[in-house]
């Protein structure tokens, strides 16, 4: 049983020591999957966009192009797969041959019978991203250029001030993100994408079924910590031979300890069977005493000397050190007088103990506090020397 317990203990220590050297996460190819708050990023960009409606190609490019913005928040789940949510849009321009179209601005110079149209829109969509560079080239955190196609679905809305109705449509988004690494935290982005919505999204419908909006933006991405993925380290098989020798050594120590414990138990039983011995010891204790003095006096009386003689005998037998604390009451006299008076009182007691009763001077410590140390709450009691 002891051998099994020791084996399990040493194995547990080995496993814990090894696991502390391994990064956290599950194996995903050559790397470990990350935690929920790892590899998040936020992006912002701006650029241009244009519409491929029924008649938009008749207009010149400069009359079709309009500004575009996009803001994204996402996370890389693995080096190859990521997700993001993006808000994009701004304004859109195009052509129509229907004067009753909802977003008409006025006649167009680009073609006869055409009308310029302009409206606001936004597209809120979620994308699934596929990092081709990491998939086919292997994961590298320091790769400068990465190609990331994406596909998403979302909600698109087109509208114009003081115009009804507002068009709310399901949307599909497809595109390519080109990521250029500037630093560990910042990337430069070039993004090309197409938005596919219902034909009525631009304010009129002629039966084509789908309206296409294309955008090209540039911007920047900030990568929150923790960034990147930890490489998977192949576990190294453990060599248990040093531990088996340690187990053998510990088993021998346990055997020796058991033998020693048996001998101690036998000795204890023998001692219990012995008749009790009565041992007499004398301990001398010198209890604290107080010698009181009349006002402005430091001379010892015969009664004081009797008490000091008894105290001196106990002090000599104990061999311990005792304090002689001289005091005066602050209710009378000045500090200077009281300090001198406390010194004289302590000196009188010291002189009697040493010179009259033969106490070793090394056993005595003289302290005079004047009126700064009042051990009692009445002035008459503070004209005292305390021995303890």
Protein backbone atom coordinates (compact mmCIF):
# COMPACT_ATOMS: atom_id res chain seq x y z
CA UNK A 1 0.00 0.00 0.00
CA UNK A 2 2.81 2.42 0.90
CA UNK A 3 4.67 1.58 -2.32
CA UNK A 4 1.53 2.25 -4.40
CA UNK A 5 0.95 5.59 -2.66
CA UNK A 6 4.56 6.68 -3.24
CA UNK A 7 4.40 5.67 -6.91
CA UNK A 8 1.18 7.61 -7.53
CA UNK A 9 2.58 10.66 -5.71
CA UNK A 10 5.76 10.77 -7.78
CA UNK A 11 3.84 10.23 -11.03
CA UNK A 12 1.51 13.10 -10.15
CA UNK A 13 4.49 15.40 -9.46
CA UNK A 14 6.00 14.42 -12.81
CA UNK A 15 2.79 15.09 -14.77
CA UNK A 16 2.24 18.45 -13.07
CA UNK A 17 5.83 19.51 -13.73
CA UNK A 18 5.53 18.55 -17.39
CA UNK A 19 2.13 20.23 -17.87
CA UNK A 20 3.46 23.50 -16.50
CA UNK A 21 5.80 23.67 -19.49
CA UNK A 22 2.98 23.23 -22.03
CA UNK A 23 0.81 26.12 -23.38
CA UNK A 24 -2.91 25.89 -22.63
CA UNK A 25 -5.38 24.85 -25.34
CA UNK A 26 -6.33 21.91 -27.56
CA UNK A 27 -4.17 20.69 -30.44
CA UNK A 28 -5.11 22.15 -33.83
CA UNK A 29 -2.56 21.04 -36.38
CA UNK A 30 0.81 22.56 -35.42
CA UNK A 31 -0.78 25.08 -32.99
CA UNK A 32 -3.10 25.19 -29.98
CA UNK A 33 -6.58 26.66 -30.11
CA UNK A 34 -6.95 29.92 -28.25
CA UNK A 35 -9.17 31.11 -25.42
CA UNK A 36 -12.34 33.14 -25.90
CA UNK A 37 -10.67 36.52 -25.33
CA UNK A 38 -7.61 35.77 -27.53
CA UNK A 39 -7.04 37.03 -31.09
CA UNK A 40 -9.79 39.64 -31.24
CA UNK A 41 -9.39 42.55 -33.66
CA UNK A 42 -11.13 45.77 -34.71
CA UNK A 43 -10.88 47.36 -38.15
CA UNK A 44 -11.94 50.61 -39.82
CA UNK A 45 -11.62 51.67 -43.42
CA UNK A 46 -12.82 54.00 -46.11
CA UNK A 47 -12.93 54.01 -49.90
CA UNK A 48 -15.29 54.02 -52.85
CA UNK A 49 -18.29 52.01 -53.99
CA UNK A 50 -20.50 51.80 -57.08
CA UNK A 51 -23.67 50.02 -58.14
CA UNK A 52 -24.30 47.55 -60.97
CA UNK A 53 -28.02 48.18 -61.49
CA UNK A 54 -30.11 47.81 -64.66
CA UNK A 55 -28.86 51.03 -66.31
CA UNK A 56 -25.90 52.07 -64.17
CA UNK A 57 -23.27 51.03 -66.73
CA UNK A 58 -24.50 53.81 -69.05
CA UNK A 59 -23.14 56.43 -66.63
CA UNK A 60 -19.48 57.44 -66.52
CA UNK A 61 -17.46 55.94 -63.67
CA UNK A 62 -17.03 59.28 -61.88
CA UNK A 63 -20.81 59.75 -61.84
CA UNK A 64 -21.32 56.27 -60.43
CA UNK A 65 -18.68 56.24 -57.69
CA UNK A 66 -19.53 57.33 -54.12
CA UNK A 67 -17.78 57.18 -50.72
CA UNK A 68 -17.78 54.04 -48.60
CA UNK A 69 -16.93 53.24 -44.99
CA UNK A 70 -16.76 50.03 -42.99
CA UNK A 71 -16.15 49.14 -39.34
CA UNK A 72 -15.49 45.55 -38.22
CA UNK A 73 -15.06 43.55 -35.04
CA UNK A 74 -13.88 39.96 -35.23
CA UNK A 75 -11.88 37.05 -33.87
CA UNK A 76 -9.56 34.42 -35.31
CA UNK A 77 -10.69 31.03 -34.00
CA UNK A 78 -7.83 29.17 -35.66
CA UNK A 79 -4.98 30.43 -37.87
CA UNK A 80 -7.17 29.69 -40.92
CA UNK A 81 -10.75 30.38 -39.76
CA UNK A 82 -12.12 33.64 -38.39
CA UNK A 83 -15.44 35.41 -37.92
CA UNK A 84 -16.36 39.07 -37.88
CA UNK A 85 -19.28 41.47 -37.79
CA UNK A 86 -19.07 44.46 -40.15
CA UNK A 87 -21.06 47.64 -40.54
CA UNK A 88 -20.61 49.27 -43.96
CA UNK A 89 -22.26 51.60 -46.42
CA UNK A 90 -22.76 55.37 -46.80
CA UNK A 91 -24.24 56.68 -50.09
CA UNK A 92 -24.89 55.13 -53.50
CA UNK A 93 -25.46 56.66 -56.97
CA UNK A 94 -26.86 55.18 -60.19
CA UNK A 95 -29.19 55.59 -63.19
CA UNK A 96 -32.83 54.80 -63.80
CA UNK A 97 -35.12 55.06 -66.83
CA UNK A 98 -38.21 55.09 -64.65
CA UNK A 99 -39.19 58.64 -63.59
CA UNK A 100 -41.33 57.15 -60.82
CA UNK A 101 -38.37 55.46 -59.12
CA UNK A 102 -38.19 56.37 -55.41
CA UNK A 103 -34.66 57.77 -55.24
CA UNK A 104 -34.62 59.96 -58.40
CA UNK A 105 -32.53 63.16 -58.25
CA UNK A 106 -33.21 64.52 -61.77
CA UNK A 107 -32.40 64.02 -65.48
CA UNK A 108 -28.98 62.60 -66.34
CA UNK A 109 -26.56 63.90 -68.98
CA UNK A 110 -25.10 60.44 -69.46
CA UNK A 111 -27.94 59.03 -71.55
CA UNK A 112 -31.22 60.19 -73.08
CA UNK A 113 -34.24 59.33 -70.98
CA UNK A 114 -32.11 58.49 -67.94
CA UNK A 115 -32.49 59.87 -64.45
CA UNK A 116 -29.86 60.18 -61.77
CA UNK A 117 -30.63 58.44 -58.52
CA UNK A 118 -28.93 58.79 -55.12
CA UNK A 119 -29.74 57.23 -51.75
CA UNK A 120 -28.25 56.26 -48.39
CA UNK A 121 -27.77 52.70 -47.27
CA UNK A 122 -26.00 50.47 -44.78
CA UNK A 123 -25.26 46.79 -44.55
CA UNK A 124 -24.77 44.98 -41.21
CA UNK A 125 -23.46 41.49 -41.83
CA UNK A 126 -21.55 38.62 -40.26
CA UNK A 127 -18.71 37.02 -42.24
CA UNK A 128 -16.88 33.73 -42.19
CA UNK A 129 -13.23 34.35 -43.14
CA UNK A 130 -10.76 31.86 -44.61
CA UNK A 131 -7.05 32.71 -44.41
CA UNK A 132 -5.65 31.10 -47.54
CA UNK A 133 -2.06 32.08 -46.68
CA UNK A 134 -2.11 30.19 -43.38
CA UNK A 135 -4.04 27.25 -44.86
CA UNK A 136 -1.66 26.55 -47.72
CA UNK A 137 1.53 28.23 -46.54
CA UNK A 138 1.47 27.14 -42.90
CA UNK A 139 0.86 29.39 -39.90
CA UNK A 140 3.36 32.22 -39.50
CA UNK A 141 2.70 35.12 -37.16
CA UNK A 142 5.29 37.29 -38.94
CA UNK A 143 3.90 36.81 -42.48
CA UNK A 144 3.80 40.20 -44.23
CA UNK A 145 0.97 39.63 -46.75
CA UNK A 146 -2.10 37.45 -46.25
CA UNK A 147 -5.07 36.74 -48.58
CA UNK A 148 -8.40 36.20 -46.83
CA UNK A 149 -11.60 35.56 -48.81
CA UNK A 150 -14.86 35.86 -46.87
CA UNK A 151 -18.54 35.13 -47.24
CA UNK A 152 -21.35 36.58 -45.13
CA UNK A 153 -25.05 37.23 -44.68
CA UNK A 154 -26.79 40.16 -43.03
CA UNK A 155 -29.32 42.95 -43.08
CA UNK A 156 -29.25 45.83 -45.59
CA UNK A 157 -31.32 49.00 -45.60
CA UNK A 158 -31.70 51.75 -48.27
CA UNK A 159 -33.41 55.04 -47.55
CA UNK A 160 -33.60 58.71 -48.41
CA UNK A 161 -34.75 61.66 -46.41
CA UNK A 162 -38.46 62.45 -46.85
CA UNK A 163 -38.91 59.44 -49.15
CA UNK A 164 -41.00 56.36 -48.48
CA UNK A 165 -40.78 53.46 -48.36
CA UNK A 166 -37.53 52.38 -46.66
CA UNK A 167 -36.24 49.13 -48.16
CA UNK A 168 -35.12 46.49 -45.68
CA UNK A 169 -33.56 43.43 -47.26
CA UNK A 170 -31.62 40.30 -46.45
CA UNK A 171 -28.13 40.59 -47.90
CA UNK A 172 -25.25 38.39 -48.97
CA UNK A 173 -21.65 39.61 -48.96
CA UNK A 174 -18.62 38.11 -50.70
CA UNK A 175 -15.14 39.55 -50.92
CA UNK A 176 -11.38 39.40 -50.45
CA UNK A 177 -9.38 40.96 -47.62
CA UNK A 178 -5.70 41.64 -48.28
CA UNK A 179 -3.88 42.09 -44.99
CA UNK A 180 -0.42 43.68 -44.82
CA UNK A 181 1.39 43.34 -41.47
CA UNK A 182 2.81 46.64 -40.15
CA UNK A 183 3.57 45.43 -36.63
CA UNK A 184 2.45 42.77 -34.21
CA UNK A 185 -0.53 44.94 -33.26
CA UNK A 186 -1.41 46.81 -36.48
CA UNK A 187 -2.25 45.67 -40.03
CA UNK A 188 -2.97 47.64 -43.19
CA UNK A 189 -6.01 46.37 -45.13
CA UNK A 190 -7.15 46.48 -48.75
CA UNK A 191 -10.66 45.06 -48.99
CA UNK A 192 -12.75 44.30 -52.09
CA UNK A 193 -16.33 43.12 -51.64
CA UNK A 194 -19.69 42.80 -53.36
CA UNK A 195 -23.12 43.20 -51.74
CA UNK A 196 -26.01 41.23 -53.23
CA UNK A 197 -29.57 42.37 -52.37
CA UNK A 198 -33.08 42.30 -53.82
CA UNK A 199 -33.63 44.16 -57.11
CA UNK A 200 -35.91 46.71 -55.43
CA UNK A 201 -33.11 47.93 -53.15
CA UNK A 202 -32.41 50.97 -55.42
CA UNK A 203 -36.04 52.12 -55.42
CA UNK A 204 -37.49 50.35 -58.43
CA UNK A 205 -37.75 46.82 -59.74
CA UNK A 206 -37.79 45.43 -63.28
CA UNK A 207 -37.47 41.74 -62.56
CA UNK A 208 -33.73 41.06 -62.56
CA UNK A 209 -34.06 39.69 -59.02
CA UNK A 210 -30.65 40.81 -57.63
CA UNK A 211 -28.91 44.18 -57.26
CA UNK A 212 -25.10 44.25 -56.99
CA UNK A 213 -23.10 46.89 -55.06
CA UNK A 214 -19.29 46.77 -55.21
CA UNK A 215 -16.84 48.54 -52.88
CA UNK A 216 -13.09 48.93 -52.48
CA UNK A 217 -11.72 50.24 -49.16
CA UNK A 218 -8.42 50.65 -47.39
CA UNK A 219 -7.96 50.86 -43.65
CA UNK A 220 -6.25 49.55 -40.55
CA UNK A 221 -6.74 46.72 -38.08
CA UNK A 222 -5.76 46.71 -34.42
CA UNK A 223 -5.15 43.25 -32.93
CA UNK A 224 -5.98 42.98 -29.24
CA UNK A 225 -3.83 40.90 -26.92
CA UNK A 226 -3.38 37.97 -26.77
CA UNK A 227 -2.19 37.89 -30.40
CA UNK A 228 -1.25 34.84 -32.42
CA UNK A 229 -1.32 31.14 -31.60
CA UNK A 230 1.02 29.03 -29.47
CA UNK A 231 2.83 26.21 -31.20
CA UNK A 232 2.03 22.68 -30.12
CA UNK A 233 4.95 20.95 -28.40
CA UNK A 234 5.07 17.18 -28.68
CA UNK A 235 5.16 15.66 -25.17
CA UNK A 236 8.45 14.01 -24.22
CA UNK A 237 8.03 10.53 -22.68
CA UNK A 238 9.03 10.50 -19.04
CA UNK A 239 11.88 8.37 -17.71
CA UNK A 240 10.66 6.88 -14.44
CA UNK A 241 13.84 5.00 -13.52
CA UNK A 242 15.11 7.76 -11.16
CA UNK A 243 11.77 7.68 -9.36
CA UNK A 244 11.74 3.90 -8.90
CA UNK A 245 15.13 4.12 -7.16
CA UNK A 246 13.76 6.92 -4.99
CA UNK A 247 10.75 4.76 -4.15
CA UNK A 248 13.05 1.92 -3.06
CA UNK A 249 15.04 4.32 -0.91
CA UNK A 250 11.86 5.70 0.67
CA UNK A 251 10.57 2.18 1.34
CA UNK A 252 13.81 1.36 3.19
CA UNK A 253 13.46 4.55 5.23
CA UNK A 254 9.86 3.61 6.09
CA UNK A 255 11.02 0.14 7.17
CA UNK A 256 13.72 1.68 9.39
CA UNK A 257 11.19 4.15 10.81
CA UNK A 258 8.77 1.28 11.60
CA UNK A 259 11.52 -0.57 13.46
CA UNK A 260 12.42 2.55 15.39
CA UNK A 261 8.77 3.16 16.22
CA UNK A 262 8.43 -0.42 17.53
CA UNK A 263 11.47 0.06 19.79
CA UNK A 264 10.10 3.38 21.08
CA UNK A 265 6.74 1.72 21.82
CA UNK A 266 8.53 -1.04 23.75
CA UNK A 267 10.62 1.49 25.71
CA UNK A 268 7.49 3.49 26.48
CA UNK A 269 5.71 0.40 27.80
CA UNK A 270 8.69 -0.38 30.05
CA UNK A 271 8.74 3.15 31.39
CA UNK A 272 5.01 3.00 32.13
CA UNK A 273 5.53 -0.17 34.19
CA UNK A 274 8.14 1.50 36.41
CA UNK A 275 7.12 2.79 39.81
CA UNK A 276 6.79 6.58 39.87
CA UNK A 277 9.66 8.59 41.36
CA UNK A 278 8.96 11.59 43.50
CA UNK A 279 11.24 14.47 42.52
CA UNK A 280 11.39 17.47 44.76
CA UNK A 281 12.56 20.82 43.47
CA UNK A 282 12.67 24.19 45.10
CA UNK A 283 12.12 27.28 43.01
CA UNK A 284 12.84 30.66 44.48
CA UNK A 285 10.73 33.58 43.38
CA UNK A 286 11.28 37.19 44.32
CA UNK A 287 7.90 38.89 44.02
CA UNK A 288 7.81 42.59 43.11
CA UNK A 289 7.75 44.97 46.10
CA UNK A 290 7.23 48.70 46.50
CA UNK A 291 9.14 50.99 48.93
CA UNK A 292 7.21 54.22 49.64
CA UNK A 293 8.88 57.48 50.75
CA UNK A 294 7.58 60.63 52.44
CA UNK A 295 7.44 63.79 50.34
CA UNK A 296 10.90 65.11 49.37
CA UNK A 297 12.60 62.14 51.18
CA UNK A 298 14.92 59.36 49.95
CA UNK A 299 16.04 57.79 53.23
CA UNK A 300 15.04 54.18 54.06
CA UNK A 301 13.29 53.33 57.32
CA UNK A 302 13.99 50.27 59.48
CA UNK A 303 10.75 48.73 58.18
CA UNK A 304 11.95 49.25 54.60
CA UNK A 305 15.24 47.55 55.39
CA UNK A 306 13.42 44.51 56.83
CA UNK A 307 11.44 44.15 53.58
CA UNK A 308 14.55 44.68 51.45
CA UNK A 309 16.46 42.02 53.42
CA UNK A 310 13.78 39.42 52.67
CA UNK A 311 13.70 40.49 49.01
CA UNK A 312 17.53 40.35 48.79
CA UNK A 313 17.67 36.69 49.93
CA UNK A 314 15.22 35.66 47.21
CA UNK A 315 17.12 37.67 44.58
CA UNK A 316 20.42 35.97 45.45
CA UNK A 317 18.82 32.51 45.17
CA UNK A 318 17.07 33.09 41.85
CA UNK A 319 20.15 34.48 40.09
CA UNK A 320 17.91 36.63 37.88
CA UNK A 321 18.19 40.37 37.09
CA UNK A 322 15.75 42.82 38.70
CA UNK A 323 14.89 46.45 37.99
CA UNK A 324 14.96 49.21 40.61
CA UNK A 325 12.51 51.82 39.27
CA UNK A 326 12.61 55.19 41.14
CA UNK A 327 9.69 57.63 40.79
CA UNK A 328 8.40 60.97 42.11
CA UNK A 329 4.95 62.56 41.92
CA UNK A 330 4.47 65.39 39.42
CA UNK A 331 1.98 67.12 41.72
CA UNK A 332 4.87 68.63 43.71
CA UNK A 333 8.29 69.94 42.77
CA UNK A 334 9.82 70.70 39.40
CA UNK A 335 10.91 68.12 36.81
CA UNK A 336 14.56 68.68 37.66
CA UNK A 337 13.95 68.21 41.44
CA UNK A 338 11.73 65.17 40.84
CA UNK A 339 14.33 63.52 38.60
CA UNK A 340 17.05 64.02 41.26
CA UNK A 341 14.69 62.75 43.96
CA UNK A 342 13.83 59.59 41.98
CA UNK A 343 17.56 58.96 41.41
CA UNK A 344 18.32 59.34 45.14
CA UNK A 345 15.49 56.98 46.12
CA UNK A 346 16.61 54.30 43.63
CA UNK A 347 20.25 54.74 44.79
CA UNK A 348 19.24 54.24 48.46
CA UNK A 349 17.56 50.93 47.61
CA UNK A 350 20.48 49.84 45.42
CA UNK A 351 23.01 50.68 48.16
CA UNK A 352 21.07 48.70 50.77
CA UNK A 353 20.71 45.61 48.56
CA UNK A 354 24.37 45.54 47.51
CA UNK A 355 26.28 46.85 50.50
CA UNK A 356 24.04 45.74 53.36
CA UNK A 357 22.52 42.50 52.07
CA UNK A 358 25.20 41.32 49.59
CA UNK A 359 23.26 41.20 46.34
CA UNK A 360 25.45 40.90 43.21
CA UNK A 361 25.38 44.32 41.42
CA UNK A 362 25.05 42.51 38.04
CA UNK A 363 21.59 41.35 39.14
CA UNK A 364 20.33 44.92 39.54
CA UNK A 365 19.34 47.56 36.98
CA UNK A 366 18.68 51.08 38.29
CA UNK A 367 16.14 53.25 36.45
CA UNK A 368 15.06 56.76 37.49
CA UNK A 369 12.20 58.42 35.58
CA UNK A 370 11.46 61.40 37.82
CA UNK A 371 7.77 62.28 37.53
CA UNK A 372 7.45 60.83 33.96
CA UNK A 373 6.56 57.41 35.33
CA UNK A 374 3.65 57.45 37.77
CA UNK A 375 2.62 53.83 38.41
CA UNK A 376 -0.32 54.77 40.66
CA UNK A 377 -3.24 57.22 40.47
CA UNK A 378 -2.49 59.13 43.72
CA UNK A 379 0.47 61.49 44.25
CA UNK A 380 1.34 60.05 47.65
CA UNK A 381 1.69 56.56 46.12
CA UNK A 382 3.98 57.77 43.30
CA UNK A 383 6.81 58.67 45.75
CA UNK A 384 8.02 55.10 45.38
CA UNK A 385 10.72 52.68 44.31
CA UNK A 386 9.40 49.50 42.68
CA UNK A 387 11.56 46.37 42.55
CA UNK A 388 10.59 43.72 39.98
